[in-house]
Amino acid sequence: MLAATTGASARQSDRNEPINAQGVSVDATQGTNGLVIYKGKVVMTQGTLKVTGDIAHIYLDSDNQVVRAVVDGKPATFHEIDDNCNNVDGHALNIDYVVEQNVVTLTTNAWVKQQGRGESNGDKLVYHTDTSNMTGQSGDTNLVTMQFLPKPKGADGKPAPVRPQSVPNCTPTPKAAPKAPAAGKLANAPAAASTAAKP
């Protein structure tokens, strides 16, 4: 088991944004709680967060709020910009996003790279979007690996600040910014669907 803190949280303003989803086909059934299934060229976005894959199971509560999204692909990918305007990218065969817990779990051939900080590989990586803490684990024959990038130095030999990624219209979030609500509204989903067993 590996645990690491990366020092920069994911972009908190993303949690205030609606969740949008699209795919080649969609299947939804009526009920108290809902399940919406997108297939083919799936793309989900919430602010700077973007998840892609081949099939997505999106779980809704009785208020049509997204509580969980499970995306499978070859591979499924995610991208986000953190509060310091640095890119966070990852991929795996399965990505499980639990909205209220701010947790993204990447399973099977999992990889996460944080711009300016390093990258991780393992059978399973769990990334906490509110803190950027990450844990990882692998089976008996594989290892969890991490690469830590050295901090750049200025001309005087002293550590230089990590330069933020040149992201258009991106402004670093103040440290005192309030946390956003946990759950997001699925902006373009059909009316809430029936209760379905989670994978």
N, C-alpha and C. Protein backbone atom coordinates (compact mmCIF):
# COMPACT_ATOMS: atom_id res chain seq x y z
N MET A 1 0.84 -1.19 0.00
CA MET A 1 0.00 0.00 0.00
C MET A 1 0.87 1.24 0.00
N LEU A 2 0.53 2.18 -0.80
CA LEU A 2 1.27 3.44 -0.92
C LEU A 2 0.34 4.58 -0.58
N ALA A 3 0.85 5.61 0.08
CA ALA A 3 0.05 6.81 0.33
C ALA A 3 0.94 8.01 0.11
N ALA A 4 0.39 9.02 -0.57
CA ALA A 4 1.18 10.22 -0.87
C ALA A 4 0.28 11.44 -0.87
N THR A 5 0.88 12.58 -0.53
CA THR A 5 0.19 13.86 -0.60
C THR A 5 0.89 14.71 -1.63
N THR A 6 0.11 15.28 -2.55
CA THR A 6 0.72 16.01 -3.66
C THR A 6 0.83 17.50 -3.43
N GLY A 7 0.09 18.05 -2.46
CA GLY A 7 0.29 19.45 -2.09
C GLY A 7 -0.59 20.43 -2.80
N ALA A 8 -1.43 20.02 -3.74
CA ALA A 8 -2.34 20.93 -4.41
C ALA A 8 -3.65 20.22 -4.67
N SER A 9 -4.76 20.80 -4.21
CA SER A 9 -6.04 20.14 -4.39
C SER A 9 -6.60 20.40 -5.76
N ALA A 10 -7.52 19.54 -6.18
CA ALA A 10 -8.19 19.73 -7.46
C ALA A 10 -9.01 21.01 -7.42
N ARG A 11 -9.38 21.48 -8.58
CA ARG A 11 -10.04 22.78 -8.69
C ARG A 11 -11.39 22.74 -7.99
N GLN A 12 -11.50 23.47 -6.85
CA GLN A 12 -12.69 23.41 -6.03
C GLN A 12 -13.92 23.96 -6.74
N SER A 13 -13.74 24.93 -7.63
CA SER A 13 -14.88 25.51 -8.33
C SER A 13 -15.57 24.50 -9.23
N ASP A 14 -14.87 23.42 -9.61
CA ASP A 14 -15.49 22.39 -10.45
C ASP A 14 -16.72 21.80 -9.77
N ARG A 15 -16.69 21.71 -8.43
CA ARG A 15 -17.79 21.06 -7.71
C ARG A 15 -19.09 21.85 -7.78
N ASN A 16 -19.02 23.13 -8.18
CA ASN A 16 -20.22 23.95 -8.34
C ASN A 16 -20.81 23.84 -9.73
N GLU A 17 -20.11 23.16 -10.62
CA GLU A 17 -20.53 23.09 -12.02
C GLU A 17 -21.46 21.90 -12.27
N PRO A 18 -22.35 22.01 -13.26
CA PRO A 18 -23.19 20.85 -13.61
C PRO A 18 -22.35 19.75 -14.24
N ILE A 19 -22.82 18.53 -14.13
CA ILE A 19 -22.18 17.40 -14.79
C ILE A 19 -22.88 17.16 -16.12
N ASN A 20 -22.11 17.17 -17.19
CA ASN A 20 -22.64 16.93 -18.53
C ASN A 20 -22.13 15.58 -19.03
N ALA A 21 -22.98 14.85 -19.74
CA ALA A 21 -22.58 13.54 -20.26
C ALA A 21 -23.12 13.36 -21.67
N GLN A 22 -22.36 12.64 -22.48
CA GLN A 22 -22.80 12.35 -23.84
C GLN A 22 -22.20 11.03 -24.30
N GLY A 23 -22.84 10.43 -25.30
CA GLY A 23 -22.36 9.19 -25.88
C GLY A 23 -23.14 8.88 -27.14
N VAL A 24 -22.78 7.81 -27.80
CA VAL A 24 -23.47 7.42 -29.03
C VAL A 24 -24.91 7.00 -28.73
N SER A 25 -25.13 6.33 -27.59
CA SER A 25 -26.48 5.93 -27.20
C SER A 25 -26.66 6.10 -25.70
N VAL A 26 -27.91 6.23 -25.27
CA VAL A 26 -28.22 6.38 -23.85
C VAL A 26 -29.43 5.53 -23.53
N ASP A 27 -29.43 4.93 -22.33
CA ASP A 27 -30.54 4.09 -21.87
C ASP A 27 -30.85 4.49 -20.44
N ALA A 28 -32.11 4.87 -20.20
CA ALA A 28 -32.51 5.27 -18.85
C ALA A 28 -33.91 4.74 -18.59
N THR A 29 -34.16 4.31 -17.34
CA THR A 29 -35.48 3.82 -16.96
C THR A 29 -35.99 4.64 -15.79
N GLN A 30 -37.30 4.74 -15.67
CA GLN A 30 -37.91 5.58 -14.64
C GLN A 30 -37.89 4.88 -13.29
N GLY A 31 -37.84 5.67 -12.22
CA GLY A 31 -37.88 5.10 -10.88
C GLY A 31 -37.50 6.14 -9.85
N THR A 32 -37.52 5.72 -8.56
CA THR A 32 -37.20 6.65 -7.47
C THR A 32 -35.76 7.11 -7.56
N ASN A 33 -34.85 6.16 -7.66
CA ASN A 33 -33.46 6.47 -7.93
C ASN A 33 -33.18 6.10 -9.38
N GLY A 34 -32.04 6.50 -9.90
CA GLY A 34 -31.87 6.30 -11.32
C GLY A 34 -30.53 5.73 -11.73
N LEU A 35 -30.53 5.13 -12.90
CA LEU A 35 -29.33 4.67 -13.56
C LEU A 35 -29.42 5.10 -15.02
N VAL A 36 -28.44 5.85 -15.49
CA VAL A 36 -28.36 6.26 -16.88
C VAL A 36 -27.10 5.62 -17.47
N ILE A 37 -27.25 4.92 -18.59
CA ILE A 37 -26.13 4.22 -19.21
C ILE A 37 -25.83 4.86 -20.56
N TYR A 38 -24.62 5.37 -20.70
CA TYR A 38 -24.15 5.91 -21.98
C TYR A 38 -23.17 4.91 -22.59
N LYS A 39 -23.29 4.70 -23.91
CA LYS A 39 -22.40 3.78 -24.61
C LYS A 39 -21.80 4.47 -25.84
N GLY A 40 -20.53 4.20 -26.09
CA GLY A 40 -19.87 4.68 -27.29
C GLY A 40 -19.40 6.12 -27.20
N LYS A 41 -18.09 6.32 -27.29
CA LYS A 41 -17.49 7.65 -27.29
C LYS A 41 -18.01 8.51 -26.13
N VAL A 42 -18.01 7.92 -24.94
CA VAL A 42 -18.56 8.59 -23.76
C VAL A 42 -17.65 9.72 -23.30
N VAL A 43 -18.25 10.87 -23.01
CA VAL A 43 -17.53 12.01 -22.45
C VAL A 43 -18.38 12.59 -21.31
N MET A 44 -17.77 12.72 -20.14
CA MET A 44 -18.41 13.38 -19.01
C MET A 44 -17.55 14.56 -18.60
N THR A 45 -18.17 15.69 -18.30
CA THR A 45 -17.42 16.86 -17.86
C THR A 45 -18.10 17.50 -16.65
N GLN A 46 -17.28 18.11 -15.81
CA GLN A 46 -17.76 18.94 -14.70
C GLN A 46 -16.69 20.00 -14.45
N GLY A 47 -16.91 21.21 -14.96
CA GLY A 47 -15.86 22.22 -14.90
C GLY A 47 -14.66 21.77 -15.71
N THR A 48 -13.49 21.74 -15.09
CA THR A 48 -12.28 21.29 -15.80
C THR A 48 -12.14 19.78 -15.81
N LEU A 49 -12.94 19.07 -15.00
CA LEU A 49 -12.87 17.61 -14.95
C LEU A 49 -13.48 17.01 -16.21
N LYS A 50 -12.75 16.10 -16.85
CA LYS A 50 -13.23 15.42 -18.04
C LYS A 50 -12.89 13.94 -17.94
N VAL A 51 -13.90 13.08 -18.11
CA VAL A 51 -13.72 11.64 -18.07
C VAL A 51 -14.23 11.07 -19.39
N THR A 52 -13.45 10.19 -20.01
CA THR A 52 -13.85 9.59 -21.27
C THR A 52 -13.76 8.07 -21.16
N GLY A 53 -14.53 7.37 -22.02
CA GLY A 53 -14.49 5.92 -22.02
C GLY A 53 -15.43 5.35 -23.06
N ASP A 54 -15.65 4.04 -22.97
CA ASP A 54 -16.52 3.34 -23.91
C ASP A 54 -17.94 3.20 -23.39
N ILE A 55 -18.09 3.07 -22.07
CA ILE A 55 -19.41 2.92 -21.45
C ILE A 55 -19.40 3.55 -20.06
N ALA A 56 -20.48 4.22 -19.71
CA ALA A 56 -20.58 4.87 -18.40
C ALA A 56 -21.90 4.51 -17.74
N HIS A 57 -21.83 4.12 -16.47
CA HIS A 57 -23.02 3.92 -15.65
C HIS A 57 -23.08 5.09 -14.67
N ILE A 58 -24.12 5.90 -14.78
CA ILE A 58 -24.26 7.10 -13.97
C ILE A 58 -25.44 6.90 -13.02
N TYR A 59 -25.17 6.96 -11.72
CA TYR A 59 -26.18 6.71 -10.70
C TYR A 59 -26.71 8.03 -10.15
N LEU A 60 -28.04 8.14 -10.08
CA LEU A 60 -28.70 9.36 -9.62
C LEU A 60 -29.49 9.07 -8.35
N ASP A 61 -29.64 10.11 -7.51
CA ASP A 61 -30.52 9.96 -6.35
C ASP A 61 -31.92 10.43 -6.71
N SER A 62 -32.80 10.49 -5.73
CA SER A 62 -34.19 10.84 -5.99
C SER A 62 -34.37 12.28 -6.44
N ASP A 63 -33.35 13.13 -6.22
CA ASP A 63 -33.39 14.53 -6.66
C ASP A 63 -32.70 14.73 -8.00
N ASN A 64 -32.40 13.64 -8.71
CA ASN A 64 -31.72 13.70 -10.01
C ASN A 64 -30.29 14.23 -9.88
N GLN A 65 -29.68 14.02 -8.71
CA GLN A 65 -28.30 14.41 -8.49
C GLN A 65 -27.39 13.21 -8.76
N VAL A 66 -26.26 13.45 -9.41
CA VAL A 66 -25.31 12.38 -9.67
C VAL A 66 -24.57 12.05 -8.38
N VAL A 67 -24.61 10.78 -7.99
CA VAL A 67 -23.90 10.35 -6.79
C VAL A 67 -22.67 9.51 -7.12
N ARG A 68 -22.68 8.91 -8.33
CA ARG A 68 -21.56 8.04 -8.70
C ARG A 68 -21.55 7.85 -10.21
N ALA A 69 -20.36 7.78 -10.77
CA ALA A 69 -20.21 7.49 -12.20
C ALA A 69 -19.11 6.45 -12.36
N VAL A 70 -19.41 5.37 -13.06
CA VAL A 70 -18.45 4.30 -13.30
C VAL A 70 -18.22 4.21 -14.81
N VAL A 71 -16.98 4.44 -15.22
CA VAL A 71 -16.66 4.51 -16.65
C VAL A 71 -15.63 3.43 -16.98
N ASP A 72 -15.92 2.65 -18.02
CA ASP A 72 -15.00 1.62 -18.50
C ASP A 72 -14.50 1.99 -19.90
N GLY A 73 -13.25 1.67 -20.18
CA GLY A 73 -12.69 1.97 -21.50
C GLY A 73 -11.38 1.26 -21.70
N LYS A 74 -10.81 1.42 -22.88
CA LYS A 74 -9.54 0.77 -23.23
C LYS A 74 -8.53 1.79 -23.76
N PRO A 75 -8.09 2.72 -22.87
CA PRO A 75 -8.51 2.84 -21.47
C PRO A 75 -9.58 3.93 -21.30
N ALA A 76 -10.12 4.01 -20.07
CA ALA A 76 -10.89 5.18 -19.66
C ALA A 76 -9.89 6.23 -19.18
N THR A 77 -10.20 7.50 -19.40
CA THR A 77 -9.24 8.56 -19.04
C THR A 77 -9.92 9.63 -18.21
N PHE A 78 -9.12 10.36 -17.43
CA PHE A 78 -9.64 11.56 -16.78
C PHE A 78 -8.59 12.66 -16.83
N HIS A 79 -9.09 13.89 -16.84
CA HIS A 79 -8.23 15.07 -16.86
C HIS A 79 -8.87 16.12 -15.96
N GLU A 80 -8.04 16.83 -15.21
CA GLU A 80 -8.53 17.94 -14.38
C GLU A 80 -7.41 18.94 -14.19
N ILE A 81 -7.79 20.18 -13.90
CA ILE A 81 -6.81 21.22 -13.59
C ILE A 81 -6.93 21.52 -12.10
N ASP A 82 -5.79 21.51 -11.38
CA ASP A 82 -5.86 21.72 -9.94
C ASP A 82 -5.93 23.21 -9.62
N ASP A 83 -5.99 23.52 -8.33
CA ASP A 83 -6.15 24.91 -7.89
C ASP A 83 -4.96 25.79 -8.24
N ASN A 84 -3.82 25.18 -8.56
CA ASN A 84 -2.64 25.95 -8.97
C ASN A 84 -2.47 26.00 -10.48
N CYS A 85 -3.53 25.61 -11.20
CA CYS A 85 -3.52 25.62 -12.67
C CYS A 85 -2.56 24.59 -13.25
N ASN A 86 -2.34 23.50 -12.55
CA ASN A 86 -1.53 22.41 -13.06
C ASN A 86 -2.43 21.27 -13.52
N ASN A 87 -2.01 20.58 -14.59
CA ASN A 87 -2.80 19.48 -15.13
C ASN A 87 -2.65 18.21 -14.30
N VAL A 88 -3.76 17.49 -14.13
CA VAL A 88 -3.77 16.16 -13.52
C VAL A 88 -4.42 15.23 -14.54
N ASP A 89 -3.70 14.18 -14.94
CA ASP A 89 -4.21 13.25 -15.95
C ASP A 89 -4.07 11.82 -15.43
N GLY A 90 -4.98 10.97 -15.88
CA GLY A 90 -4.91 9.57 -15.48
C GLY A 90 -5.65 8.68 -16.46
N HIS A 91 -5.33 7.39 -16.42
CA HIS A 91 -6.09 6.43 -17.21
C HIS A 91 -6.04 5.06 -16.55
N ALA A 92 -7.03 4.24 -16.85
CA ALA A 92 -7.14 2.88 -16.36
C ALA A 92 -8.25 2.21 -17.15
N LEU A 93 -8.41 0.90 -16.97
CA LEU A 93 -9.52 0.23 -17.64
C LEU A 93 -10.86 0.58 -17.00
N ASN A 94 -10.83 0.96 -15.72
CA ASN A 94 -12.06 1.33 -15.01
C ASN A 94 -11.80 2.56 -14.14
N ILE A 95 -12.71 3.55 -14.24
CA ILE A 95 -12.64 4.74 -13.40
C ILE A 95 -13.97 4.88 -12.67
N ASP A 96 -13.91 4.94 -11.35
CA ASP A 96 -15.10 5.01 -10.50
C ASP A 96 -15.05 6.33 -9.72
N TYR A 97 -15.98 7.24 -10.03
CA TYR A 97 -16.02 8.56 -9.41
C TYR A 97 -17.20 8.63 -8.45
N VAL A 98 -16.92 8.70 -7.14
CA VAL A 98 -17.95 8.86 -6.11
C VAL A 98 -18.01 10.34 -5.75
N VAL A 99 -19.07 11.01 -6.18
CA VAL A 99 -19.13 12.47 -6.14
C VAL A 99 -19.09 13.01 -4.72
N GLU A 100 -19.94 12.48 -3.82
CA GLU A 100 -20.03 13.03 -2.47
C GLU A 100 -18.73 12.85 -1.69
N GLN A 101 -17.98 11.81 -2.00
CA GLN A 101 -16.72 11.54 -1.29
C GLN A 101 -15.51 12.19 -1.97
N ASN A 102 -15.73 12.81 -3.15
CA ASN A 102 -14.62 13.42 -3.89
C ASN A 102 -13.49 12.42 -4.14
N VAL A 103 -13.86 11.20 -4.54
CA VAL A 103 -12.89 10.13 -4.72
C VAL A 103 -12.99 9.58 -6.14
N VAL A 104 -11.84 9.49 -6.81
CA VAL A 104 -11.73 8.85 -8.11
C VAL A 104 -10.85 7.61 -7.94
N THR A 105 -11.40 6.43 -8.24
CA THR A 105 -10.66 5.19 -8.12
C THR A 105 -10.36 4.65 -9.51
N LEU A 106 -9.08 4.45 -9.81
CA LEU A 106 -8.65 3.91 -11.10
C LEU A 106 -8.18 2.48 -10.88
N THR A 107 -8.73 1.55 -11.64
CA THR A 107 -8.45 0.13 -11.44
C THR A 107 -8.01 -0.54 -12.74
N THR A 108 -6.96 -1.34 -12.65
CA THR A 108 -6.35 -2.13 -13.74
C THR A 108 -5.55 -1.21 -14.67
N ASN A 109 -4.24 -1.42 -14.63
CA ASN A 109 -3.30 -0.60 -15.42
C ASN A 109 -3.49 0.88 -15.14
N ALA A 110 -3.57 1.21 -13.86
CA ALA A 110 -3.85 2.59 -13.46
C ALA A 110 -2.60 3.46 -13.52
N TRP A 111 -2.79 4.69 -13.96
CA TRP A 111 -1.70 5.66 -14.10
C TRP A 111 -2.24 7.05 -13.81
N VAL A 112 -1.51 7.82 -13.01
CA VAL A 112 -1.87 9.21 -12.71
C VAL A 112 -0.61 10.05 -12.81
N LYS A 113 -0.70 11.18 -13.52
CA LYS A 113 0.41 12.11 -13.65
C LYS A 113 -0.05 13.50 -13.22
N GLN A 114 0.73 14.12 -12.32
CA GLN A 114 0.44 15.48 -11.85
C GLN A 114 1.56 16.39 -12.33
N GLN A 115 1.19 17.32 -13.18
CA GLN A 115 2.18 18.18 -13.84
C GLN A 115 3.06 18.91 -12.82
N GLY A 116 4.37 18.79 -13.03
CA GLY A 116 5.32 19.44 -12.15
C GLY A 116 5.62 18.69 -10.88
N ARG A 117 4.95 17.54 -10.65
CA ARG A 117 5.14 16.83 -9.39
C ARG A 117 5.57 15.38 -9.58
N GLY A 118 5.02 14.69 -10.60
CA GLY A 118 5.42 13.31 -10.82
C GLY A 118 4.26 12.46 -11.27
N GLU A 119 4.47 11.14 -11.26
CA GLU A 119 3.42 10.23 -11.71
C GLU A 119 3.46 8.94 -10.91
N SER A 120 2.34 8.19 -10.97
CA SER A 120 2.19 6.94 -10.24
C SER A 120 1.59 5.88 -11.14
N ASN A 121 1.97 4.62 -10.89
CA ASN A 121 1.42 3.48 -11.62
C ASN A 121 1.08 2.39 -10.61
N GLY A 122 0.02 1.62 -10.91
CA GLY A 122 -0.34 0.51 -10.04
C GLY A 122 -1.57 -0.19 -10.54
N ASP A 123 -1.92 -1.31 -9.88
CA ASP A 123 -3.15 -2.01 -10.23
C ASP A 123 -4.37 -1.18 -9.83
N LYS A 124 -4.23 -0.42 -8.75
CA LYS A 124 -5.35 0.40 -8.27
C LYS A 124 -4.79 1.68 -7.64
N LEU A 125 -5.27 2.81 -8.09
CA LEU A 125 -4.91 4.10 -7.52
C LEU A 125 -6.18 4.82 -7.10
N VAL A 126 -6.18 5.37 -5.89
CA VAL A 126 -7.33 6.11 -5.37
C VAL A 126 -6.92 7.56 -5.17
N TYR A 127 -7.55 8.45 -5.94
CA TYR A 127 -7.19 9.87 -5.95
C TYR A 127 -8.32 10.67 -5.32
N HIS A 128 -7.97 11.45 -4.28
CA HIS A 128 -8.95 12.28 -3.57
C HIS A 128 -8.90 13.69 -4.18
N THR A 129 -9.96 14.06 -4.88
CA THR A 129 -9.94 15.32 -5.62
C THR A 129 -9.97 16.55 -4.71
N ASP A 130 -10.43 16.41 -3.47
CA ASP A 130 -10.49 17.58 -2.59
C ASP A 130 -9.16 17.86 -1.91
N THR A 131 -8.30 16.87 -1.77
CA THR A 131 -7.02 17.05 -1.08
C THR A 131 -5.82 16.70 -1.95
N SER A 132 -6.03 15.99 -3.05
CA SER A 132 -4.97 15.44 -3.91
C SER A 132 -4.17 14.35 -3.22
N ASN A 133 -4.65 13.85 -2.07
CA ASN A 133 -4.02 12.67 -1.48
C ASN A 133 -4.28 11.46 -2.38
N MET A 134 -3.33 10.55 -2.43
CA MET A 134 -3.48 9.38 -3.28
C MET A 134 -2.94 8.14 -2.59
N THR A 135 -3.68 7.03 -2.72
CA THR A 135 -3.20 5.74 -2.23
C THR A 135 -3.17 4.79 -3.42
N GLY A 136 -2.33 3.75 -3.31
CA GLY A 136 -2.23 2.80 -4.41
C GLY A 136 -1.88 1.43 -3.91
N GLN A 137 -2.23 0.42 -4.72
CA GLN A 137 -1.87 -0.94 -4.37
C GLN A 137 -1.78 -1.79 -5.64
N SER A 138 -1.01 -2.86 -5.56
CA SER A 138 -0.86 -3.79 -6.66
C SER A 138 -0.86 -5.21 -6.12
N GLY A 139 -0.96 -6.17 -7.04
CA GLY A 139 -0.97 -7.56 -6.64
C GLY A 139 0.42 -8.08 -6.31
N ASP A 140 0.50 -9.40 -6.16
CA ASP A 140 1.76 -10.02 -5.75
C ASP A 140 2.86 -9.88 -6.79
N THR A 141 2.48 -9.85 -8.06
CA THR A 141 3.50 -9.83 -9.11
C THR A 141 3.84 -8.43 -9.60
N ASN A 142 3.04 -7.44 -9.23
CA ASN A 142 3.29 -6.06 -9.66
C ASN A 142 3.62 -5.18 -8.48
N LEU A 143 4.17 -4.02 -8.77
CA LEU A 143 4.51 -3.06 -7.73
C LEU A 143 3.85 -1.72 -8.04
N VAL A 144 3.55 -0.96 -6.99
CA VAL A 144 3.13 0.42 -7.18
C VAL A 144 4.39 1.26 -7.34
N THR A 145 4.46 2.05 -8.39
CA THR A 145 5.65 2.87 -8.61
C THR A 145 5.27 4.35 -8.61
N MET A 146 6.17 5.18 -8.14
CA MET A 146 5.99 6.63 -8.15
C MET A 146 7.27 7.29 -8.64
N GLN A 147 7.11 8.37 -9.35
CA GLN A 147 8.25 9.18 -9.78
C GLN A 147 8.05 10.58 -9.23
N PHE A 148 9.06 11.07 -8.51
CA PHE A 148 9.00 12.41 -7.91
C PHE A 148 9.96 13.33 -8.67
N LEU A 149 9.45 14.41 -9.21
CA LEU A 149 10.28 15.33 -9.96
C LEU A 149 11.01 16.28 -9.02
N PRO A 150 12.29 16.55 -9.29
CA PRO A 150 13.03 17.51 -8.46
C PRO A 150 12.49 18.92 -8.67
N LYS A 151 12.55 19.73 -7.63
CA LYS A 151 12.10 21.11 -7.74
C LYS A 151 13.12 21.90 -8.54
N PRO A 152 12.69 22.65 -9.56
CA PRO A 152 13.65 23.41 -10.37
C PRO A 152 14.36 24.47 -9.54
N LYS A 153 15.60 24.79 -9.94
CA LYS A 153 16.39 25.79 -9.23
C LYS A 153 16.63 27.00 -10.11
N GLY A 154 16.70 28.17 -9.48
CA GLY A 154 16.95 29.40 -10.19
C GLY A 154 18.44 29.57 -10.48
N ALA A 155 18.79 30.69 -11.07
CA ALA A 155 20.19 30.96 -11.42
C ALA A 155 21.06 31.04 -10.18
N ASP A 156 20.47 31.41 -9.03
CA ASP A 156 21.24 31.51 -7.79
C ASP A 156 21.39 30.17 -7.08
N GLY A 157 20.84 29.11 -7.68
CA GLY A 157 20.94 27.79 -7.08
C GLY A 157 19.87 27.50 -6.05
N LYS A 158 19.02 28.47 -5.74
CA LYS A 158 17.95 28.26 -4.76
C LYS A 158 16.73 27.68 -5.46
N PRO A 159 15.90 26.91 -4.72
CA PRO A 159 14.70 26.34 -5.34
C PRO A 159 13.81 27.43 -5.93
N ALA A 160 13.36 27.22 -7.14
CA ALA A 160 12.46 28.16 -7.80
C ALA A 160 11.04 27.65 -7.68
N PRO A 161 10.07 28.54 -7.65
CA PRO A 161 8.68 28.08 -7.57
C PRO A 161 8.30 27.30 -8.82
N VAL A 162 7.43 26.29 -8.63
CA VAL A 162 6.96 25.52 -9.77
C VAL A 162 6.04 26.40 -10.60
N ARG A 163 6.35 26.55 -11.87
CA ARG A 163 5.55 27.40 -12.72
C ARG A 163 4.23 26.70 -13.07
N PRO A 164 3.13 27.43 -12.97
CA PRO A 164 1.86 26.81 -13.33
C PRO A 164 1.76 26.53 -14.81
N GLN A 165 0.96 25.54 -15.15
CA GLN A 165 0.71 25.23 -16.55
C GLN A 165 0.03 26.41 -17.22
N SER A 166 0.37 26.66 -18.49
CA SER A 166 -0.27 27.74 -19.23
C SER A 166 -1.64 27.29 -19.70
N VAL A 167 -2.62 27.37 -18.82
CA VAL A 167 -3.99 26.98 -19.13
C VAL A 167 -4.79 28.23 -19.42
N PRO A 168 -5.40 28.33 -20.60
CA PRO A 168 -6.18 29.53 -20.93
C PRO A 168 -7.25 29.82 -19.90
N ASN A 169 -7.38 31.09 -19.53
CA ASN A 169 -8.41 31.56 -18.61
C ASN A 169 -8.35 30.88 -17.24
N CYS A 170 -7.17 30.42 -16.86
CA CYS A 170 -7.02 29.75 -15.57
C CYS A 170 -6.36 30.69 -14.57
N THR A 171 -7.00 30.88 -13.43
CA THR A 171 -6.46 31.69 -12.35
C THR A 171 -6.32 30.82 -11.12
N PRO A 172 -5.12 30.77 -10.48
CA PRO A 172 -4.98 29.97 -9.26
C PRO A 172 -6.04 30.33 -8.23
N THR A 173 -6.58 29.31 -7.58
CA THR A 173 -7.62 29.51 -6.59
C THR A 173 -7.01 29.94 -5.26
N PRO A 174 -7.53 31.00 -4.61
CA PRO A 174 -7.01 31.39 -3.30
C PRO A 174 -7.15 30.25 -2.31
N LYS A 175 -6.18 30.13 -1.40
CA LYS A 175 -6.21 29.04 -0.43
C LYS A 175 -7.42 29.10 0.48
N ALA A 176 -7.97 30.29 0.69
CA ALA A 176 -9.11 30.43 1.59
C ALA A 176 -10.44 30.18 0.90
N ALA A 177 -10.41 29.77 -0.35
CA ALA A 177 -11.67 29.56 -1.08
C ALA A 177 -12.50 28.49 -0.39
N PRO A 178 -13.81 28.71 -0.25
CA PRO A 178 -14.67 27.72 0.40
C PRO A 178 -14.83 26.48 -0.45
N LYS A 179 -15.06 25.36 0.22
CA LYS A 179 -15.27 24.11 -0.49
C LYS A 179 -16.64 24.13 -1.16
N ALA A 180 -16.72 23.52 -2.32
CA ALA A 180 -17.97 23.50 -3.07
C ALA A 180 -18.82 22.33 -2.62
N PRO A 181 -20.13 22.37 -2.93
CA PRO A 181 -21.00 21.23 -2.60
C PRO A 181 -20.49 19.95 -3.23
N ALA A 182 -20.79 18.84 -2.58
CA ALA A 182 -20.23 17.56 -3.01
C ALA A 182 -20.88 17.00 -4.27
N ALA A 183 -22.21 17.13 -4.38
CA ALA A 183 -22.90 16.45 -5.47
C ALA A 183 -23.13 17.40 -6.63
N GLY A 184 -23.15 16.84 -7.84
CA GLY A 184 -23.39 17.65 -9.03
C GLY A 184 -24.66 17.23 -9.72
N LYS A 185 -25.28 18.14 -10.43
CA LYS A 185 -26.51 17.87 -11.17
C LYS A 185 -26.16 17.44 -12.58
N LEU A 186 -26.75 16.35 -13.01
CA LEU A 186 -26.52 15.90 -14.38
C LEU A 186 -27.34 16.77 -15.31
N ALA A 187 -26.65 17.60 -16.09
CA ALA A 187 -27.32 18.65 -16.83
C ALA A 187 -28.16 18.15 -17.98
N ASN A 188 -27.71 17.12 -18.69
CA ASN A 188 -28.42 16.74 -19.90
C ASN A 188 -28.90 15.30 -19.89
N ALA A 189 -29.17 14.77 -18.66
CA ALA A 189 -29.63 13.39 -18.57
C ALA A 189 -31.14 13.31 -18.75
N PRO A 190 -31.65 12.16 -19.20
CA PRO A 190 -33.09 11.96 -19.22
C PRO A 190 -33.62 12.00 -17.80
N ALA A 191 -34.94 12.12 -17.63
CA ALA A 191 -35.54 12.15 -16.31
C ALA A 191 -35.09 10.94 -15.53
N ALA A 192 -35.01 11.07 -14.19
CA ALA A 192 -34.40 10.09 -13.32
C ALA A 192 -34.84 8.68 -13.63
N ALA A 193 -33.91 7.76 -13.38
CA ALA A 193 -34.11 6.40 -13.80
C ALA A 193 -34.32 5.46 -12.64
N SER A 194 -34.51 4.17 -12.95
CA SER A 194 -34.86 3.19 -11.92
C SER A 194 -33.66 2.78 -11.10
N THR A 195 -33.96 2.26 -9.90
CA THR A 195 -32.90 1.76 -9.04
C THR A 195 -32.24 0.58 -9.69
N ALA A 196 -30.90 0.55 -9.65
CA ALA A 196 -30.17 -0.57 -10.26
C ALA A 196 -29.03 -0.94 -9.35
N ALA A 197 -28.67 -2.20 -9.35
CA ALA A 197 -27.55 -2.65 -8.52
C ALA A 197 -26.28 -2.04 -9.01
N LYS A 198 -25.48 -1.53 -8.08
CA LYS A 198 -24.18 -0.96 -8.44
C LYS A 198 -23.20 -2.08 -8.71
N PRO A 199 -22.28 -1.82 -9.66
CA PRO A 199 -21.30 -2.88 -9.97
C PRO A 199 -20.37 -3.15 -8.81
